[in-house]
């Protein structure tokens, strides 16, 4: 029998999460049956989406949702031999017994000199989100100007780098001077700390006086309404997050620049990377290729220890991470 540690939701979040909203438990796991495997977590992903999804997809007492890279340590499923690694939606657990239905093998020929943690970051869901947002939703073209907020995060940092690979001008917004310096290291043309600028409107105008062809939206809230005012005619906006609203106790309403949307004939589309799941293998190969060629840099914010999962989660909601937030077991 194997003991598994789990983090459960004791109470739905009321505003910003608190330590008392989580409970660490230990449970005995049965041996895997035919077709099942026993997984041991190696890296756990920490993502902003866990905050809104916990409300709509979880009951109090459930194990917190989330994705992990895990090692197969026992197997009664020939598709997943002992010693292989998989990506699983196992939640905040150190060990899991499950069938192979929802498991994704790590991409073939994963280079030995590349950490498997990147399968949860730039060579995983955040990277896929960046590619599809740029190519499928925005249709970003060489020579265009892109604005991306939360630009030092797991998705935004990859978005900016891919846009540069495609020959575009990139302006990034982040929440600290250290993050702005990081964006400059990545090759962003312009970057600013939205917390310290005197006027967001003037800062956006200065960074790109002609306006913006595309906007990769990760934040939501009033600042995004200001950004929409700076869009060019027929501009396109890809919406994949709204982290500024996740801890609100009451939903935000306005202001929203409807007239700007109409007069500039803007196109706004929300999306999730799962829409293009059939393209994942080819897209992951492209991301890995950019990484190996030195065109894609991958910064990680790693927290050591399963016991620190709640602290790591609350940390990303405060903007403490630069790049992808990971908990290493």
Protein backbone atom coordinates (compact mmCIF):
# COMPACT_ATOMS: atom_id res chain seq x y z
CA UNK A 1 0.00 0.00 0.00
CA UNK A 2 1.21 3.48 -0.90
CA UNK A 3 0.38 6.59 1.09
CA UNK A 4 -0.64 9.64 -0.91
CA UNK A 5 -0.62 13.21 0.35
CA UNK A 6 -3.38 15.44 -0.99
CA UNK A 7 -4.44 19.05 -0.65
CA UNK A 8 -8.21 19.47 -0.45
CA UNK A 9 -10.48 22.49 -0.65
CA UNK A 10 -12.11 22.89 2.76
CA UNK A 11 -14.08 26.00 1.86
CA UNK A 12 -14.81 27.83 -1.39
CA UNK A 13 -12.68 30.95 -1.60
CA UNK A 14 -14.28 34.16 -0.37
CA UNK A 15 -12.11 36.80 -2.01
CA UNK A 16 -8.40 36.02 -1.84
CA UNK A 17 -7.58 32.41 -0.79
CA UNK A 18 -6.45 31.76 2.78
CA UNK A 19 -4.41 28.97 4.37
CA UNK A 20 -7.56 27.80 6.17
CA UNK A 21 -9.22 27.12 2.80
CA UNK A 22 -6.90 24.12 2.30
CA UNK A 23 -6.36 20.88 4.19
CA UNK A 24 -3.45 18.44 3.84
CA UNK A 25 -4.59 14.84 4.05
CA UNK A 26 -2.99 11.41 3.82
CA UNK A 27 -4.76 8.42 2.25
CA UNK A 28 -3.89 4.80 1.51
CA UNK A 29 -3.98 3.86 -2.16
CA UNK A 30 -4.88 0.37 -3.42
CA UNK A 31 -2.62 -1.52 -5.81
CA UNK A 32 -3.34 -0.75 -9.48
CA UNK A 33 -5.79 -3.11 -11.17
CA UNK A 34 -5.64 -4.33 -14.75
CA UNK A 35 -5.27 -1.33 -17.06
CA UNK A 36 -4.25 0.95 -14.20
CA UNK A 37 -0.99 2.57 -13.15
CA UNK A 38 0.42 4.06 -9.97
CA UNK A 39 1.88 7.52 -10.50
CA UNK A 40 4.30 9.50 -8.37
CA UNK A 41 4.27 13.28 -8.89
CA UNK A 42 7.55 14.90 -9.90
CA UNK A 43 6.42 18.44 -10.77
CA UNK A 44 3.07 20.10 -10.14
CA UNK A 45 1.77 23.04 -12.12
CA UNK A 46 0.51 26.15 -10.36
CA UNK A 47 -1.85 28.18 -12.57
CA UNK A 48 -4.19 31.16 -12.18
CA UNK A 49 -7.08 29.20 -13.76
CA UNK A 50 -7.28 27.10 -10.59
CA UNK A 51 -8.94 30.05 -8.84
CA UNK A 52 -12.07 30.44 -11.02
CA UNK A 53 -12.28 26.74 -11.94
CA UNK A 54 -12.33 25.73 -8.27
CA UNK A 55 -15.68 27.49 -7.93
CA UNK A 56 -17.39 25.96 -10.95
CA UNK A 57 -15.82 22.49 -10.98
CA UNK A 58 -15.23 21.60 -7.33
CA UNK A 59 -17.14 20.81 -4.19
CA UNK A 60 -15.82 21.51 -0.73
CA UNK A 61 -13.74 18.54 0.36
CA UNK A 62 -12.51 17.73 -3.17
CA UNK A 63 -8.82 17.45 -3.97
CA UNK A 64 -7.63 20.69 -5.60
CA UNK A 65 -7.57 20.57 -9.38
CA UNK A 66 -4.34 20.77 -11.32
CA UNK A 67 -1.89 19.14 -13.69
CA UNK A 68 1.37 17.36 -12.94
CA UNK A 69 4.29 15.56 -14.50
CA UNK A 70 4.39 12.14 -12.89
CA UNK A 71 6.52 9.00 -13.05
CA UNK A 72 4.93 5.60 -13.52
CA UNK A 73 6.14 3.50 -10.57
CA UNK A 74 3.75 0.54 -10.95
CA UNK A 75 1.93 -0.47 -14.10
CA UNK A 76 -0.70 -2.91 -15.28
CA UNK A 77 -1.11 -0.98 -18.51
CA UNK A 78 1.33 -1.77 -21.35
CA UNK A 79 0.90 1.74 -22.80
CA UNK A 80 2.59 3.21 -19.72
CA UNK A 81 5.65 1.18 -18.68
CA UNK A 82 7.31 1.58 -15.30
CA UNK A 83 9.80 4.43 -15.39
CA UNK A 84 8.01 6.42 -18.09
CA UNK A 85 6.71 9.93 -17.47
CA UNK A 86 3.26 11.30 -18.20
CA UNK A 87 1.23 14.47 -17.84
CA UNK A 88 -1.90 13.89 -15.80
CA UNK A 89 -4.79 15.98 -14.50
CA UNK A 90 -4.37 14.34 -11.11
CA UNK A 91 -4.80 17.43 -8.95
CA UNK A 92 -2.76 18.30 -5.88
CA UNK A 93 -1.63 14.74 -5.08
CA UNK A 94 1.74 13.08 -4.52
CA UNK A 95 0.51 9.69 -5.76
CA UNK A 96 -2.40 8.58 -7.91
CA UNK A 97 -3.87 5.30 -9.09
CA UNK A 98 -5.66 5.71 -12.41
CA UNK A 99 -6.33 4.25 -15.81
CA UNK A 100 -4.60 5.56 -18.90
CA UNK A 101 -7.57 7.42 -20.37
CA UNK A 102 -6.59 10.90 -19.24
CA UNK A 103 -2.82 10.46 -19.26
CA UNK A 104 -0.61 12.07 -21.89
CA UNK A 105 2.84 10.57 -22.45
CA UNK A 106 5.69 13.05 -22.44
CA UNK A 107 6.46 13.87 -26.08
CA UNK A 108 8.76 11.34 -27.74
CA UNK A 109 12.50 12.07 -27.84
CA UNK A 110 12.31 14.60 -24.99
CA UNK A 111 15.93 15.84 -24.72
CA UNK A 112 17.78 14.69 -21.62
CA UNK A 113 19.16 18.19 -21.05
CA UNK A 114 15.68 19.75 -20.87
CA UNK A 115 13.84 19.60 -17.54
CA UNK A 116 10.55 17.71 -17.62
CA UNK A 117 9.04 20.63 -15.70
CA UNK A 118 8.86 22.50 -19.03
CA UNK A 119 6.13 20.05 -20.07
CA UNK A 120 3.95 22.11 -17.71
CA UNK A 121 5.21 25.41 -19.09
CA UNK A 122 6.68 26.59 -22.37
CA UNK A 123 6.60 23.07 -23.86
CA UNK A 124 3.14 22.44 -22.46
CA UNK A 125 -0.20 24.14 -21.91
CA UNK A 126 1.11 27.73 -21.57
CA UNK A 127 3.22 27.37 -24.71
CA UNK A 128 0.31 25.88 -26.62
CA UNK A 129 -1.90 28.74 -25.44
CA UNK A 130 0.65 31.25 -26.70
CA UNK A 131 0.96 29.65 -30.15
CA UNK A 132 -2.76 29.23 -30.75
CA UNK A 133 -3.58 32.70 -29.47
CA UNK A 134 -1.06 34.23 -31.85
CA UNK A 135 -1.70 32.06 -34.90
CA UNK A 136 -5.28 30.81 -34.70
CA UNK A 137 -7.02 33.70 -32.93
CA UNK A 138 -4.99 36.81 -33.77
CA UNK A 139 -3.48 35.74 -37.07
CA UNK A 140 -0.46 37.89 -36.18
CA UNK A 141 1.53 38.95 -39.24
CA UNK A 142 5.14 40.05 -39.73
CA UNK A 143 5.55 43.79 -39.11
CA UNK A 144 2.50 44.14 -36.86
CA UNK A 145 2.56 45.50 -33.31
CA UNK A 146 1.42 43.32 -30.41
CA UNK A 147 0.53 44.35 -26.86
CA UNK A 148 0.60 41.66 -24.18
CA UNK A 149 -0.20 42.12 -20.50
CA UNK A 150 0.95 39.85 -17.65
CA UNK A 151 3.88 39.60 -20.05
CA UNK A 152 6.34 38.10 -17.55
CA UNK A 153 4.05 35.18 -16.73
CA UNK A 154 4.00 31.64 -18.09
CA UNK A 155 1.90 32.49 -21.15
CA UNK A 156 2.80 36.14 -21.75
CA UNK A 157 6.56 35.56 -21.78
CA UNK A 158 6.17 32.92 -24.50
CA UNK A 159 3.71 35.06 -26.45
CA UNK A 160 6.21 37.92 -26.70
CA UNK A 161 9.05 35.69 -27.81
CA UNK A 162 7.00 33.96 -30.52
CA UNK A 163 5.85 37.34 -31.79
CA UNK A 164 9.50 38.40 -32.10
CA UNK A 165 10.29 35.16 -33.96
CA UNK A 166 7.55 36.16 -36.39
CA UNK A 167 9.10 39.60 -36.95
CA UNK A 168 6.69 41.75 -34.94
CA UNK A 169 7.07 44.67 -32.56
CA UNK A 170 6.13 43.64 -29.02
CA UNK A 171 5.10 45.82 -26.08
CA UNK A 172 4.76 44.15 -22.69
CA UNK A 173 3.15 45.17 -19.42
CA UNK A 174 4.28 43.66 -16.10
CA UNK A 175 3.96 44.35 -12.39
CA UNK A 176 7.51 45.00 -11.18
CA UNK A 177 10.78 46.53 -12.35
CA UNK A 178 12.43 43.09 -12.14
CA UNK A 179 9.80 41.69 -14.49
CA UNK A 180 10.31 44.59 -16.89
CA UNK A 181 14.04 43.82 -16.92
CA UNK A 182 13.21 40.18 -17.68
CA UNK A 183 11.06 41.23 -20.65
CA UNK A 184 13.94 43.28 -22.00
CA UNK A 185 16.16 40.19 -21.72
CA UNK A 186 13.60 38.29 -23.80
CA UNK A 187 13.78 40.88 -26.57
CA UNK A 188 10.57 42.84 -26.01
CA UNK A 189 10.82 46.15 -27.87
CA UNK A 190 9.09 48.08 -25.08
CA UNK A 191 8.14 47.08 -21.56
CA UNK A 192 6.75 48.97 -18.58
CA UNK A 193 5.66 48.51 -14.97
CA UNK A 194 1.94 49.24 -14.97
CA UNK A 195 2.02 49.82 -11.20
CA UNK A 196 4.38 52.78 -11.39
CA UNK A 197 3.53 54.58 -14.64
CA UNK A 198 1.78 57.89 -14.20
CA UNK A 199 -0.71 57.34 -17.02
CA UNK A 200 -1.35 53.99 -18.67
CA UNK A 201 -2.87 55.73 -21.67
CA UNK A 202 0.18 57.94 -22.23
CA UNK A 203 2.55 55.02 -21.65
CA UNK A 204 0.79 52.93 -24.29
CA UNK A 205 0.82 55.84 -26.74
CA UNK A 206 4.53 56.43 -26.18
CA UNK A 207 5.38 52.74 -26.62
CA UNK A 208 3.53 52.59 -29.95
CA UNK A 209 2.32 55.98 -31.23
CA UNK A 210 0.55 54.36 -34.18
CA UNK A 211 -1.45 52.03 -31.94
CA UNK A 212 -1.67 48.25 -31.75
CA UNK A 213 -2.71 45.71 -34.35
CA UNK A 214 -3.17 42.93 -31.79
CA UNK A 215 -3.65 42.59 -28.03
CA UNK A 216 -3.03 39.36 -26.12
CA UNK A 217 -5.23 39.76 -23.05
CA UNK A 218 -4.39 37.89 -19.83
CA UNK A 219 -5.60 40.31 -17.16
CA UNK A 220 -9.02 41.92 -17.65
CA UNK A 221 -10.33 44.80 -15.58
CA UNK A 222 -10.18 48.57 -16.15
CA UNK A 223 -6.62 48.60 -17.53
CA UNK A 224 -7.72 46.45 -20.45
CA UNK A 225 -10.41 48.97 -21.32
CA UNK A 226 -7.68 51.61 -21.55
CA UNK A 227 -5.65 49.32 -23.80
CA UNK A 228 -8.58 48.80 -26.17
CA UNK A 229 -8.67 52.55 -26.76
CA UNK A 230 -5.18 52.27 -28.29
CA UNK A 231 -6.08 49.60 -30.83
CA UNK A 232 -5.83 50.32 -34.55
CA UNK A 233 -8.87 50.01 -36.79
CA UNK A 234 -9.74 46.34 -37.36
CA UNK A 235 -7.52 45.35 -34.43
CA UNK A 236 -7.76 41.85 -32.96
CA UNK A 237 -7.87 40.85 -29.29
CA UNK A 238 -7.24 37.32 -27.98
CA UNK A 239 -8.61 36.74 -24.47
CA UNK A 240 -7.27 33.78 -22.49
CA UNK A 241 -7.28 35.11 -18.92
CA UNK A 242 -8.66 37.70 -16.52
CA UNK A 243 -6.45 37.32 -13.45
CA UNK A 244 -7.26 40.80 -12.13
CA UNK A 245 -10.86 39.68 -11.51
CA UNK A 246 -10.35 36.20 -10.04
CA UNK A 247 -10.41 37.25 -6.39
CA UNK A 248 -13.30 39.72 -6.65
CA UNK A 249 -16.17 38.98 -4.31
CA UNK A 250 -18.60 40.66 -6.73
CA UNK A 251 -18.27 40.52 -10.53
CA UNK A 252 -16.80 43.57 -12.21
CA UNK A 253 -19.11 45.51 -14.48
CA UNK A 254 -17.61 48.02 -16.88
CA UNK A 255 -16.36 50.33 -17.93
CA UNK A 256 -16.22 48.65 -21.33
CA UNK A 257 -15.51 50.70 -24.45
CA UNK A 258 -18.38 49.50 -26.62
CA UNK A 259 -18.21 52.52 -28.91
CA UNK A 260 -14.49 51.95 -29.41
CA UNK A 261 -15.22 48.35 -30.38
CA UNK A 262 -17.83 49.53 -32.88
CA UNK A 263 -16.06 52.53 -34.41
CA UNK A 264 -12.71 50.76 -34.72
CA UNK A 265 -14.41 47.52 -35.79
CA UNK A 266 -12.37 45.44 -33.38
CA UNK A 267 -12.52 41.67 -33.13
CA UNK A 268 -12.34 40.04 -29.68
CA UNK A 269 -12.30 36.30 -29.11
CA UNK A 270 -11.94 34.18 -26.00
CA UNK A 271 -10.21 30.82 -26.31
CA UNK A 272 -8.62 27.82 -24.62
CA UNK A 273 -5.83 25.76 -26.08
CA UNK A 274 -7.89 22.56 -25.90
CA UNK A 275 -9.80 23.69 -29.02
CA UNK A 276 -6.79 22.71 -31.13
CA UNK A 277 -5.87 19.50 -29.31
CA UNK A 278 -5.42 17.72 -32.65
CA UNK A 279 -2.49 20.05 -33.36
CA UNK A 280 -0.73 19.57 -30.01
CA UNK A 281 1.98 17.07 -31.09
CA UNK A 282 3.15 19.19 -34.03
CA UNK A 283 2.97 22.41 -32.01
CA UNK A 284 4.97 20.97 -29.11
CA UNK A 285 7.68 19.89 -31.57
CA UNK A 286 7.84 23.48 -32.88
CA UNK A 287 8.14 24.88 -29.36
CA UNK A 288 10.88 22.39 -28.50
CA UNK A 289 12.66 23.31 -31.74
CA UNK A 290 12.63 27.01 -30.85
CA UNK A 291 13.97 26.14 -27.40
CA UNK A 292 16.84 24.04 -28.75
CA UNK A 293 17.67 26.75 -31.33
CA UNK A 294 17.96 29.34 -28.56
CA UNK A 295 15.00 31.36 -29.84
CA UNK A 296 12.83 30.60 -26.81
CA UNK A 297 13.92 31.24 -23.22
CA UNK A 298 12.06 29.55 -20.39
CA UNK A 299 12.12 31.11 -16.93
CA UNK A 300 10.62 29.06 -14.08
CA UNK A 301 9.59 30.06 -10.57
CA UNK A 302 10.16 26.81 -8.66
CA UNK A 303 8.92 26.12 -5.13
CA UNK A 304 10.34 23.05 -3.38
CA UNK A 305 8.02 20.76 -1.46
CA UNK A 306 4.46 19.48 -1.79
CA UNK A 307 3.55 21.05 1.55
CA UNK A 308 4.00 24.49 -0.04
CA UNK A 309 1.34 24.06 -2.73
CA UNK A 310 -1.13 26.55 -1.17
CA UNK A 311 1.63 29.14 -0.66
CA UNK A 312 2.78 28.75 -4.27
CA UNK A 313 -0.81 29.07 -5.51
CA UNK A 314 -1.48 32.22 -3.49
CA UNK A 315 1.87 33.57 -4.64
CA UNK A 316 0.94 33.51 -8.33
CA UNK A 317 -2.31 35.32 -7.56
CA UNK A 318 -0.15 38.05 -5.99
CA UNK A 319 2.13 38.14 -9.03
CA UNK A 320 5.19 36.79 -7.22
CA UNK A 321 6.29 34.53 -10.08
CA UNK A 322 8.45 35.37 -13.07
CA UNK A 323 7.74 32.80 -15.77
CA UNK A 324 6.01 29.49 -15.06
CA UNK A 325 5.20 28.63 -11.44
CA UNK A 326 6.13 25.03 -10.57
CA UNK A 327 6.19 23.01 -7.36
CA UNK A 328 8.94 20.36 -7.32
CA UNK A 329 8.37 17.29 -5.18
